[in-house]
Amino acid sequence: MRLTLKTFASCFAVCGLISLIGLSGCADSASAEVQELRQRLLVTTPPQGEVSISSVRAKLESGELAADSEVVVRGRINAGEVPPWAEGRAEFIITDATGHDGDEDHDPHECPFCKRNIMDSMAQVRLSGNDGKTIPIDTRELLSVQERSLLVIRGKVMQDDSEMLVLNADQIHIVPAK
């Protein structure tokens, strides 16, 4: 049988249609999973009791705050000159947004005083499933956020082996842009 351009195009169109029909079921289940996770994680009212990331770090290091203590921080998705995202996973970096005197527009990466010890102002946020493992969905898809989004996050805090402050979040409030 000789394959003509018309036959090839017809086969390609039929295969494409079959693929789309087959994949639509996957997309629907992923959307349902994302919606379920959003309902569990996102809150419309910001959690109360915000403290600065640097304060959490200092209290954790001094022993005044135990690992796995619950804290609330305000931060921007921002890792300075590197991307804040863990591709394909629900993990990202925030930088403190309490600023000097509560100025949430303050950027510690640009402040000559804060950037001397920039790690004091940064934390890694992890979102876990019911199994305790990091959710294997990109944060941008899961939360519909972008770099520099302002968040108020509640979660349990710890320091990892690299001395990065880690927040295992259970509530996230996305602060609407001004």
C-alpha atoms as a PDB file:
ATOM      1  CA  MET A   1       0.000   0.000   0.000  1.00  0.00           C
ATOM      2  CA  ARG A   2       1.344   3.346  -0.960  1.00  0.00           C
ATOM      3  CA  LEU A   3       1.067   6.051   1.698  1.00  0.00           C
ATOM      4  CA  THR A   4      -0.057   9.318   0.159  1.00  0.00           C
ATOM      5  CA  LEU A   5       0.054  12.703   1.779  1.00  0.00           C
ATOM      6  CA  LYS A   6      -3.735  12.672   2.029  1.00  0.00           C
ATOM      7  CA  THR A   7      -3.735   9.250   3.743  1.00  0.00           C
ATOM      8  CA  PHE A   8      -0.950  10.327   6.110  1.00  0.00           C
ATOM      9  CA  ALA A   9      -2.821  13.522   7.011  1.00  0.00           C
ATOM     10  CA  SER A  10      -6.021  11.552   7.662  1.00  0.00           C
ATOM     11  CA  CYS A  11      -4.207   9.033   9.871  1.00  0.00           C
ATOM     12  CA  PHE A  12      -2.441  11.846  11.714  1.00  0.00           C
ATOM     13  CA  ALA A  13      -5.753  13.640  12.325  1.00  0.00           C
ATOM     14  CA  VAL A  14      -7.462  10.458  13.578  1.00  0.00           C
ATOM     15  CA  CYS A  15      -4.515   9.603  15.875  1.00  0.00           C
ATOM     16  CA  GLY A  16      -4.487  13.163  17.195  1.00  0.00           C
ATOM     17  CA  LEU A  17      -8.209  13.025  17.925  1.00  0.00           C
ATOM     18  CA  ILE A  18      -7.858   9.690  19.730  1.00  0.00           C
ATOM     19  CA  SER A  19      -4.980  11.113  21.798  1.00  0.00           C
ATOM     20  CA  LEU A  20      -6.993  14.178  22.756  1.00  0.00           C
ATOM     21  CA  ILE A  21      -9.950  12.060  23.793  1.00  0.00           C
ATOM     22  CA  GLY A  22      -7.692   9.766  25.825  1.00  0.00           C
ATOM     23  CA  LEU A  23      -5.847  12.622  27.515  1.00  0.00           C
ATOM     24  CA  SER A  24      -8.959  14.579  28.411  1.00  0.00           C
ATOM     25  CA  GLY A  25      -9.718  12.036  31.146  1.00  0.00           C
ATOM     26  CA  CYS A  26      -6.244  12.643  32.642  1.00  0.00           C
ATOM     27  CA  ALA A  27      -6.712  16.401  32.499  1.00  0.00           C
ATOM     28  CA  ASP A  28     -10.057  16.140  34.261  1.00  0.00           C
ATOM     29  CA  SER A  29      -8.618  14.029  37.092  1.00  0.00           C
ATOM     30  CA  ALA A  30      -5.623  16.365  37.452  1.00  0.00           C
ATOM     31  CA  SER A  31      -7.979  19.322  37.602  1.00  0.00           C
ATOM     32  CA  ALA A  32     -10.058  17.578  40.239  1.00  0.00           C
ATOM     33  CA  GLU A  33      -6.906  16.843  42.253  1.00  0.00           C
ATOM     34  CA  VAL A  34      -5.726  20.451  41.943  1.00  0.00           C
ATOM     35  CA  GLN A  35      -9.148  21.738  43.006  1.00  0.00           C
ATOM     36  CA  GLU A  36      -9.190  19.420  46.031  1.00  0.00           C
ATOM     37  CA  LEU A  37      -5.694  20.527  47.091  1.00  0.00           C
ATOM     38  CA  ARG A  38      -6.574  24.197  46.625  1.00  0.00           C
ATOM     39  CA  GLN A  39      -9.619  23.767  48.847  1.00  0.00           C
ATOM     40  CA  ARG A  40      -7.437  22.181  51.514  1.00  0.00           C
ATOM     41  CA  LEU A  41      -4.555  24.706  51.358  1.00  0.00           C
ATOM     42  CA  LEU A  42      -5.941  28.090  50.331  1.00  0.00           C
ATOM     43  CA  VAL A  43      -7.785  30.298  52.800  1.00  0.00           C
ATOM     44  CA  THR A  44      -9.644  33.544  52.137  1.00  0.00           C
ATOM     45  CA  THR A  45      -8.714  35.169  55.436  1.00  0.00           C
ATOM     46  CA  PRO A  46      -5.026  35.479  56.308  1.00  0.00           C
ATOM     47  CA  PRO A  47      -3.870  33.397  59.284  1.00  0.00           C
ATOM     48  CA  GLN A  48      -3.211  35.579  62.325  1.00  0.00           C
ATOM     49  CA  GLY A  49      -0.003  36.055  64.325  1.00  0.00           C
ATOM     50  CA  GLU A  50       2.531  36.907  61.598  1.00  0.00           C
ATOM     51  CA  VAL A  51       6.187  37.040  62.556  1.00  0.00           C
ATOM     52  CA  SER A  52       9.178  37.838  60.380  1.00  0.00           C
ATOM     53  CA  ILE A  53      11.155  35.016  58.830  1.00  0.00           C
ATOM     54  CA  SER A  54      14.327  36.327  60.488  1.00  0.00           C
ATOM     55  CA  SER A  55      12.608  36.204  63.890  1.00  0.00           C
ATOM     56  CA  VAL A  56      11.495  32.609  63.289  1.00  0.00           C
ATOM     57  CA  ARG A  57      15.046  31.653  62.269  1.00  0.00           C
ATOM     58  CA  ALA A  58      16.599  33.327  65.329  1.00  0.00           C
ATOM     59  CA  LYS A  59      14.128  31.688  67.726  1.00  0.00           C
ATOM     60  CA  LEU A  60      14.617  28.292  66.109  1.00  0.00           C
ATOM     61  CA  GLU A  61      18.415  28.561  66.308  1.00  0.00           C
ATOM     62  CA  SER A  62      18.350  29.738  69.949  1.00  0.00           C
ATOM     63  CA  GLY A  63      16.029  26.920  70.995  1.00  0.00           C
ATOM     64  CA  GLU A  64      13.285  29.353  71.992  1.00  0.00           C
ATOM     65  CA  LEU A  65      11.180  27.807  69.217  1.00  0.00           C
ATOM     66  CA  ALA A  66      11.119  24.029  68.747  1.00  0.00           C
ATOM     67  CA  ALA A  67      11.255  22.343  65.348  1.00  0.00           C
ATOM     68  CA  ASP A  68       7.762  21.534  64.080  1.00  0.00           C
ATOM     69  CA  SER A  69       6.303  24.559  65.867  1.00  0.00           C
ATOM     70  CA  GLU A  70       3.500  26.289  64.035  1.00  0.00           C
ATOM     71  CA  VAL A  71       4.286  29.793  62.728  1.00  0.00           C
ATOM     72  CA  VAL A  72       2.707  32.356  60.411  1.00  0.00           C
ATOM     73  CA  VAL A  73       4.886  34.400  58.041  1.00  0.00           C
ATOM     74  CA  ARG A  74       4.289  36.963  55.302  1.00  0.00           C
ATOM     75  CA  GLY A  75       6.482  36.528  52.260  1.00  0.00           C
ATOM     76  CA  ARG A  76       6.875  37.146  48.561  1.00  0.00           C
ATOM     77  CA  ILE A  77       7.691  34.376  46.142  1.00  0.00           C
ATOM     78  CA  ASN A  78      11.194  35.606  45.429  1.00  0.00           C
ATOM     79  CA  ALA A  79      14.626  33.997  45.518  1.00  0.00           C
ATOM     80  CA  GLY A  80      16.597  36.975  44.262  1.00  0.00           C
ATOM     81  CA  GLU A  81      18.605  36.202  41.146  1.00  0.00           C
ATOM     82  CA  VAL A  82      17.591  32.538  40.910  1.00  0.00           C
ATOM     83  CA  PRO A  83      14.179  31.050  40.089  1.00  0.00           C
ATOM     84  CA  PRO A  84      12.098  30.434  43.233  1.00  0.00           C
ATOM     85  CA  TRP A  85      10.407  27.296  41.881  1.00  0.00           C
ATOM     86  CA  ALA A  86      11.075  23.590  42.264  1.00  0.00           C
ATOM     87  CA  GLU A  87       9.982  22.525  38.789  1.00  0.00           C
ATOM     88  CA  GLY A  88       7.111  20.030  38.895  1.00  0.00           C
ATOM     89  CA  ARG A  89       6.808  20.069  42.692  1.00  0.00           C
ATOM     90  CA  ALA A  90       4.892  22.122  45.221  1.00  0.00           C
ATOM     91  CA  GLU A  91       7.987  23.782  46.713  1.00  0.00           C
ATOM     92  CA  PHE A  92       9.117  27.374  46.371  1.00  0.00           C
ATOM     93  CA  ILE A  93      11.230  30.066  48.008  1.00  0.00           C
ATOM     94  CA  ILE A  94       9.813  33.130  49.727  1.00  0.00           C
ATOM     95  CA  THR A  95      11.545  36.220  51.005  1.00  0.00           C
ATOM     96  CA  ASP A  96      10.225  38.030  54.070  1.00  0.00           C
ATOM     97  CA  ALA A  97       7.699  40.758  53.288  1.00  0.00           C
ATOM     98  CA  THR A  98       7.324  42.320  56.716  1.00  0.00           C
ATOM     99  CA  GLY A  99      10.055  44.804  55.838  1.00  0.00           C
ATOM    100  CA  HIS A 100      11.285  47.660  57.931  1.00  0.00           C
ATOM    101  CA  ASP A 101       8.356  48.947  59.961  1.00  0.00           C
ATOM    102  CA  GLY A 102       5.899  46.604  58.218  1.00  0.00           C
ATOM    103  CA  ASP A 103       6.574  47.815  54.661  1.00  0.00           C
ATOM    104  CA  GLU A 104       5.498  44.807  52.562  1.00  0.00           C
ATOM    105  CA  ASP A 105       6.968  46.386  49.401  1.00  0.00           C
ATOM    106  CA  HIS A 106      10.435  46.238  50.962  1.00  0.00           C
ATOM    107  CA  ASP A 107      12.709  43.826  49.047  1.00  0.00           C
ATOM    108  CA  PRO A 108      15.485  42.367  51.226  1.00  0.00           C
ATOM    109  CA  HIS A 109      17.388  41.382  48.058  1.00  0.00           C
ATOM    110  CA  GLU A 110      17.735  45.092  47.206  1.00  0.00           C
ATOM    111  CA  CYS A 111      18.201  46.504  50.715  1.00  0.00           C
ATOM    112  CA  PRO A 112      21.888  47.114  51.519  1.00  0.00           C
ATOM    113  CA  PHE A 113      21.326  46.091  55.153  1.00  0.00           C
ATOM    114  CA  CYS A 114      19.165  43.001  54.603  1.00  0.00           C
ATOM    115  CA  LYS A 115      21.120  41.506  51.737  1.00  0.00           C
ATOM    116  CA  ARG A 116      24.214  41.164  53.937  1.00  0.00           C
ATOM    117  CA  ASN A 117      22.465  38.217  55.603  1.00  0.00           C
ATOM    118  CA  ILE A 118      19.859  37.439  52.961  1.00  0.00           C
ATOM    119  CA  MET A 119      19.372  33.840  54.134  1.00  0.00           C
ATOM    120  CA  ASP A 120      17.921  35.233  57.365  1.00  0.00           C
ATOM    121  CA  SER A 121      15.036  36.615  55.278  1.00  0.00           C
ATOM    122  CA  MET A 122      14.377  33.538  53.126  1.00  0.00           C
ATOM    123  CA  ALA A 123      12.459  30.294  53.618  1.00  0.00           C
ATOM    124  CA  GLN A 124      11.551  27.294  51.526  1.00  0.00           C
ATOM    125  CA  VAL A 125       7.839  26.480  51.500  1.00  0.00           C
ATOM    126  CA  ARG A 126       6.755  22.860  51.004  1.00  0.00           C
ATOM    127  CA  LEU A 127       3.241  21.674  50.359  1.00  0.00           C
ATOM    128  CA  SER A 128       2.627  18.049  51.275  1.00  0.00           C
ATOM    129  CA  GLY A 129      -0.101  15.587  50.463  1.00  0.00           C
ATOM    130  CA  ASN A 130      -1.881  13.388  52.991  1.00  0.00           C
ATOM    131  CA  ASP A 131       1.024  10.929  52.669  1.00  0.00           C
ATOM    132  CA  GLY A 132       3.477  13.559  53.967  1.00  0.00           C
ATOM    133  CA  LYS A 133       5.356  13.712  50.651  1.00  0.00           C
ATOM    134  CA  THR A 134       5.784  16.899  48.633  1.00  0.00           C
ATOM    135  CA  ILE A 135       2.889  17.270  46.186  1.00  0.00           C
ATOM    136  CA  PRO A 136       4.159  16.420  42.668  1.00  0.00           C
ATOM    137  CA  ILE A 137       2.386  19.375  41.024  1.00  0.00           C
ATOM    138  CA  ASP A 138       4.160  22.595  40.086  1.00  0.00           C
ATOM    139  CA  THR A 139       3.331  25.392  42.547  1.00  0.00           C
ATOM    140  CA  ARG A 140       2.346  27.767  39.747  1.00  0.00           C
ATOM    141  CA  GLU A 141      -0.336  25.342  38.564  1.00  0.00           C
ATOM    142  CA  LEU A 142      -1.404  24.281  42.035  1.00  0.00           C
ATOM    143  CA  LEU A 143      -1.845  27.744  43.552  1.00  0.00           C
ATOM    144  CA  SER A 144      -2.164  29.943  40.422  1.00  0.00           C
ATOM    145  CA  VAL A 145       0.654  32.177  41.667  1.00  0.00           C
ATOM    146  CA  GLN A 146       3.622  33.831  40.034  1.00  0.00           C
ATOM    147  CA  GLU A 147       6.964  35.204  41.090  1.00  0.00           C
ATOM    148  CA  ARG A 148       6.559  38.142  43.510  1.00  0.00           C
ATOM    149  CA  SER A 149       3.071  37.039  44.642  1.00  0.00           C
ATOM    150  CA  LEU A 150       2.504  38.074  48.259  1.00  0.00           C
ATOM    151  CA  LEU A 151       1.420  35.291  50.619  1.00  0.00           C
ATOM    152  CA  VAL A 152       0.595  34.797  54.280  1.00  0.00           C
ATOM    153  CA  ILE A 153       1.546  31.229  55.173  1.00  0.00           C
ATOM    154  CA  ARG A 154       0.898  29.078  58.228  1.00  0.00           C
ATOM    155  CA  GLY A 155       2.871  25.914  58.757  1.00  0.00           C
ATOM    156  CA  LYS A 156       5.346  23.925  60.791  1.00  0.00           C
ATOM    157  CA  VAL A 157       8.907  25.145  60.730  1.00  0.00           C
ATOM    158  CA  MET A 158      12.285  23.411  60.700  1.00  0.00           C
ATOM    159  CA  GLN A 159      15.799  23.888  59.321  1.00  0.00           C
ATOM    160  CA  ASP A 160      17.141  21.475  56.736  1.00  0.00           C
ATOM    161  CA  ASP A 161      20.734  20.221  56.385  1.00  0.00           C
ATOM    162  CA  SER A 162      21.698  23.251  54.298  1.00  0.00           C
ATOM    163  CA  GLU A 163      20.472  25.598  57.078  1.00  0.00           C
ATOM    164  CA  MET A 164      17.535  26.718  54.919  1.00  0.00           C
ATOM    165  CA  LEU A 165      14.463  27.544  56.963  1.00  0.00           C
ATOM    166  CA  VAL A 166      11.688  25.205  55.784  1.00  0.00           C
ATOM    167  CA  LEU A 167       7.993  25.826  56.284  1.00  0.00           C
ATOM    168  CA  ASN A 168       5.679  22.839  55.787  1.00  0.00           C
ATOM    169  CA  ALA A 169       2.585  24.855  54.948  1.00  0.00           C
ATOM    170  CA  ASP A 170      -0.971  23.898  55.774  1.00  0.00           C
ATOM    171  CA  GLN A 171      -2.667  27.261  55.077  1.00  0.00           C
ATOM    172  CA  ILE A 172      -1.878  29.842  52.415  1.00  0.00           C
ATOM    173  CA  HIS A 173      -3.576  33.167  51.870  1.00  0.00           C
ATOM    174  CA  ILE A 174      -2.754  34.858  48.564  1.00  0.00           C
ATOM    175  CA  VAL A 175      -2.815  38.603  49.214  1.00  0.00           C
ATOM    176  CA  PRO A 176      -4.630  40.333  46.332  1.00  0.00           C
ATOM    177  CA  ALA A 177      -2.436  42.658  44.263  1.00  0.00           C
ATOM    178  CA  LYS A 178      -2.974  46.360  44.899  1.00  0.00           C
END
